[in-house]
Amino acid sequence: MEPNRTNKELLGKGIQRMAIALIFMFIGPVIIHSAFKNQEHPLYIPILIVGLSGAAFAIFMAFKGIRTIMDALFGKKNKG
């Protein structure tokens, strides 16, 4: 039986997803902070929604990236 090897393509994809998550981890809170500083502005709600969406996307991409990296390192689990 051959030992599991790291899937380098899948690992690269996971690292790329983590990099995207890292970028949005900074962009989301900056936009949210900007929205809260300008609450009297008419575009307050749309900017806040964009910031919250960016923060949620960062969390989603981080989970997806970690899962992809784990699949690359340890292989996919067979169901059944």
N, C-alpha and C. Protein backbone atom coordinates (compact mmCIF):
# COMPACT_ATOMS: atom_id res chain seq x y z
N MET A 1 0.84 -1.17 0.00
CA MET A 1 0.00 0.00 0.00
C MET A 1 0.89 1.25 0.00
N GLU A 2 0.60 2.15 -0.90
CA GLU A 2 1.39 3.37 -1.06
C GLU A 2 0.90 4.45 -0.10
N PRO A 3 1.82 5.17 0.56
CA PRO A 3 1.37 6.24 1.47
C PRO A 3 0.77 7.41 0.68
N ASN A 4 -0.12 8.13 1.35
CA ASN A 4 -0.76 9.28 0.71
C ASN A 4 0.26 10.38 0.48
N ARG A 5 0.22 10.96 -0.69
CA ARG A 5 1.09 12.09 -1.03
C ARG A 5 0.26 13.37 -1.03
N THR A 6 0.95 14.48 -0.85
CA THR A 6 0.28 15.77 -0.88
C THR A 6 -0.09 16.12 -2.31
N ASN A 7 -1.33 16.49 -2.52
CA ASN A 7 -1.80 16.95 -3.82
C ASN A 7 -1.41 18.42 -3.96
N LYS A 8 -0.35 18.68 -4.73
CA LYS A 8 0.19 20.04 -4.81
C LYS A 8 -0.76 21.02 -5.50
N GLU A 9 -1.51 20.55 -6.48
CA GLU A 9 -2.49 21.43 -7.14
C GLU A 9 -3.56 21.86 -6.16
N LEU A 10 -4.07 20.91 -5.41
CA LEU A 10 -5.12 21.21 -4.43
C LEU A 10 -4.57 22.09 -3.30
N LEU A 11 -3.33 21.86 -2.91
CA LEU A 11 -2.71 22.69 -1.88
C LEU A 11 -2.57 24.13 -2.36
N GLY A 12 -2.16 24.31 -3.61
CA GLY A 12 -2.05 25.66 -4.16
C GLY A 12 -3.39 26.38 -4.21
N LYS A 13 -4.44 25.63 -4.55
CA LYS A 13 -5.78 26.20 -4.58
C LYS A 13 -6.22 26.62 -3.17
N GLY A 14 -5.89 25.79 -2.17
CA GLY A 14 -6.24 26.13 -0.79
C GLY A 14 -5.49 27.36 -0.30
N ILE A 15 -4.23 27.47 -0.65
CA ILE A 15 -3.45 28.64 -0.24
C ILE A 15 -3.97 29.89 -0.94
N GLN A 16 -4.38 29.75 -2.19
CA GLN A 16 -4.96 30.88 -2.91
C GLN A 16 -6.25 31.33 -2.24
N ARG A 17 -7.08 30.40 -1.82
CA ARG A 17 -8.32 30.76 -1.13
C ARG A 17 -8.03 31.44 0.20
N MET A 18 -7.01 30.98 0.90
CA MET A 18 -6.65 31.62 2.17
C MET A 18 -6.12 33.03 1.94
N ALA A 19 -5.41 33.25 0.83
CA ALA A 19 -4.92 34.59 0.51
C ALA A 19 -6.09 35.53 0.22
N ILE A 20 -7.08 35.04 -0.50
CA ILE A 20 -8.28 35.84 -0.78
C ILE A 20 -9.00 36.16 0.53
N ALA A 21 -9.08 35.17 1.42
CA ALA A 21 -9.73 35.40 2.72
C ALA A 21 -8.96 36.44 3.52
N LEU A 22 -7.63 36.40 3.47
CA LEU A 22 -6.82 37.37 4.21
C LEU A 22 -7.06 38.79 3.71
N ILE A 23 -7.16 38.94 2.39
CA ILE A 23 -7.43 40.26 1.82
C ILE A 23 -8.79 40.78 2.29
N PHE A 24 -9.81 39.92 2.24
CA PHE A 24 -11.14 40.35 2.66
C PHE A 24 -11.25 40.51 4.17
N MET A 25 -10.36 39.88 4.95
CA MET A 25 -10.36 40.09 6.40
C MET A 25 -9.94 41.51 6.76
N PHE A 26 -9.21 42.17 5.86
CA PHE A 26 -8.85 43.56 6.08
C PHE A 26 -9.85 44.51 5.42
N ILE A 27 -10.31 44.16 4.23
CA ILE A 27 -11.20 45.05 3.49
C ILE A 27 -12.56 45.18 4.18
N GLY A 28 -13.14 44.06 4.63
CA GLY A 28 -14.47 44.08 5.25
C GLY A 28 -14.55 45.00 6.46
N PRO A 29 -13.68 44.83 7.47
CA PRO A 29 -13.76 45.72 8.63
C PRO A 29 -13.45 47.18 8.32
N VAL A 30 -12.58 47.44 7.36
CA VAL A 30 -12.30 48.84 6.99
C VAL A 30 -13.56 49.49 6.41
N ILE A 31 -14.27 48.77 5.56
CA ILE A 31 -15.50 49.32 4.98
C ILE A 31 -16.57 49.48 6.06
N ILE A 32 -16.68 48.52 6.96
CA ILE A 32 -17.65 48.64 8.06
C ILE A 32 -17.33 49.84 8.94
N HIS A 33 -16.06 50.03 9.25
CA HIS A 33 -15.65 51.18 10.07
C HIS A 33 -15.97 52.49 9.35
N SER A 34 -15.70 52.52 8.06
CA SER A 34 -16.00 53.71 7.27
C SER A 34 -17.50 54.01 7.27
N ALA A 35 -18.30 52.97 7.18
CA ALA A 35 -19.76 53.17 7.20
C ALA A 35 -20.21 53.73 8.55
N PHE A 36 -19.68 53.19 9.64
CA PHE A 36 -20.10 53.66 10.96
C PHE A 36 -19.61 55.08 11.25
N LYS A 37 -18.50 55.49 10.63
CA LYS A 37 -18.03 56.86 10.83
C LYS A 37 -18.91 57.87 10.11
N ASN A 38 -19.61 57.45 9.06
CA ASN A 38 -20.43 58.36 8.26
C ASN A 38 -21.90 57.93 8.30
N GLN A 39 -22.47 57.84 9.48
CA GLN A 39 -23.84 57.36 9.62
C GLN A 39 -24.87 58.34 9.06
N GLU A 40 -24.54 59.60 8.95
CA GLU A 40 -25.50 60.58 8.43
C GLU A 40 -25.50 60.62 6.90
N HIS A 41 -24.58 59.93 6.27
CA HIS A 41 -24.50 59.92 4.81
C HIS A 41 -25.65 59.07 4.23
N PRO A 42 -26.21 59.47 3.08
CA PRO A 42 -27.34 58.70 2.52
C PRO A 42 -26.97 57.28 2.08
N LEU A 43 -25.71 57.03 1.80
CA LEU A 43 -25.29 55.68 1.38
C LEU A 43 -24.79 54.83 2.55
N TYR A 44 -25.17 55.19 3.76
CA TYR A 44 -24.72 54.46 4.95
C TYR A 44 -25.12 52.98 4.90
N ILE A 45 -26.37 52.69 4.64
CA ILE A 45 -26.86 51.31 4.63
C ILE A 45 -26.22 50.48 3.52
N PRO A 46 -26.16 50.96 2.27
CA PRO A 46 -25.50 50.14 1.24
C PRO A 46 -24.03 49.87 1.52
N ILE A 47 -23.31 50.86 2.04
CA ILE A 47 -21.89 50.66 2.36
C ILE A 47 -21.75 49.66 3.50
N LEU A 48 -22.61 49.75 4.50
CA LEU A 48 -22.57 48.80 5.60
C LEU A 48 -22.85 47.38 5.11
N ILE A 49 -23.79 47.23 4.19
CA ILE A 49 -24.11 45.91 3.63
C ILE A 49 -22.91 45.36 2.85
N VAL A 50 -22.24 46.22 2.09
CA VAL A 50 -21.05 45.79 1.35
C VAL A 50 -19.96 45.33 2.32
N GLY A 51 -19.76 46.07 3.40
CA GLY A 51 -18.75 45.70 4.40
C GLY A 51 -19.08 44.39 5.09
N LEU A 52 -20.33 44.22 5.48
CA LEU A 52 -20.73 42.97 6.13
C LEU A 52 -20.63 41.79 5.18
N SER A 53 -20.97 42.02 3.91
CA SER A 53 -20.83 40.95 2.90
C SER A 53 -19.37 40.57 2.72
N GLY A 54 -18.49 41.56 2.71
CA GLY A 54 -17.06 41.28 2.58
C GLY A 54 -16.53 40.50 3.77
N ALA A 55 -16.98 40.84 4.97
CA ALA A 55 -16.54 40.11 6.16
C ALA A 55 -17.07 38.67 6.15
N ALA A 56 -18.32 38.50 5.74
CA ALA A 56 -18.89 37.15 5.66
C ALA A 56 -18.16 36.32 4.59
N PHE A 57 -17.82 36.97 3.47
CA PHE A 57 -17.08 36.28 2.41
C PHE A 57 -15.70 35.85 2.90
N ALA A 58 -15.07 36.67 3.73
CA ALA A 58 -13.75 36.32 4.28
C ALA A 58 -13.85 35.07 5.15
N ILE A 59 -14.88 35.00 5.97
CA ILE A 59 -15.07 33.82 6.83
C ILE A 59 -15.34 32.59 5.98
N PHE A 60 -16.19 32.74 4.97
CA PHE A 60 -16.51 31.62 4.08
C PHE A 60 -15.26 31.12 3.36
N MET A 61 -14.47 32.03 2.82
CA MET A 61 -13.27 31.63 2.08
C MET A 61 -12.22 31.02 3.01
N ALA A 62 -12.15 31.47 4.25
CA ALA A 62 -11.20 30.89 5.20
C ALA A 62 -11.57 29.43 5.50
N PHE A 63 -12.84 29.17 5.75
CA PHE A 63 -13.26 27.79 6.00
C PHE A 63 -13.04 26.92 4.77
N LYS A 64 -13.37 27.46 3.60
CA LYS A 64 -13.20 26.70 2.37
C LYS A 64 -11.71 26.45 2.10
N GLY A 65 -10.88 27.43 2.38
CA GLY A 65 -9.44 27.27 2.18
C GLY A 65 -8.83 26.25 3.12
N ILE A 66 -9.23 26.29 4.39
CA ILE A 66 -8.72 25.31 5.35
C ILE A 66 -9.16 23.91 4.96
N ARG A 67 -10.40 23.79 4.53
CA ARG A 67 -10.89 22.46 4.11
C ARG A 67 -10.13 21.95 2.89
N THR A 68 -9.85 22.83 1.95
CA THR A 68 -9.11 22.44 0.75
C THR A 68 -7.69 22.02 1.10
N ILE A 69 -7.05 22.75 2.00
CA ILE A 69 -5.69 22.40 2.42
C ILE A 69 -5.68 21.06 3.14
N MET A 70 -6.67 20.82 3.99
CA MET A 70 -6.73 19.53 4.68
C MET A 70 -6.96 18.38 3.70
N ASP A 71 -7.79 18.62 2.69
CA ASP A 71 -8.00 17.59 1.66
C ASP A 71 -6.72 17.32 0.89
N ALA A 72 -5.94 18.37 0.64
CA ALA A 72 -4.68 18.19 -0.10
C ALA A 72 -3.66 17.42 0.73
N LEU A 73 -3.62 17.69 2.02
CA LEU A 73 -2.62 17.04 2.87
C LEU A 73 -2.98 15.60 3.23
N PHE A 74 -4.24 15.38 3.56
CA PHE A 74 -4.65 14.10 4.10
C PHE A 74 -5.51 13.27 3.14
N GLY A 75 -5.91 13.84 2.02
CA GLY A 75 -6.76 13.13 1.08
C GLY A 75 -8.22 13.26 1.46
N LYS A 76 -9.07 13.08 0.46
CA LYS A 76 -10.52 13.15 0.72
C LYS A 76 -10.98 11.88 1.42
N LYS A 77 -11.92 12.05 2.33
CA LYS A 77 -12.48 10.89 3.02
C LYS A 77 -13.52 10.22 2.13
N ASN A 78 -13.46 8.91 2.07
CA ASN A 78 -14.44 8.16 1.29
C ASN A 78 -15.67 7.93 2.14
N LYS A 79 -16.83 8.30 1.61
CA LYS A 79 -18.08 8.10 2.33
C LYS A 79 -18.64 6.74 1.94
N GLY A 80 -18.62 5.83 2.87
CA GLY A 80 -19.23 4.54 2.59
C GLY A 80 -18.28 3.49 2.77
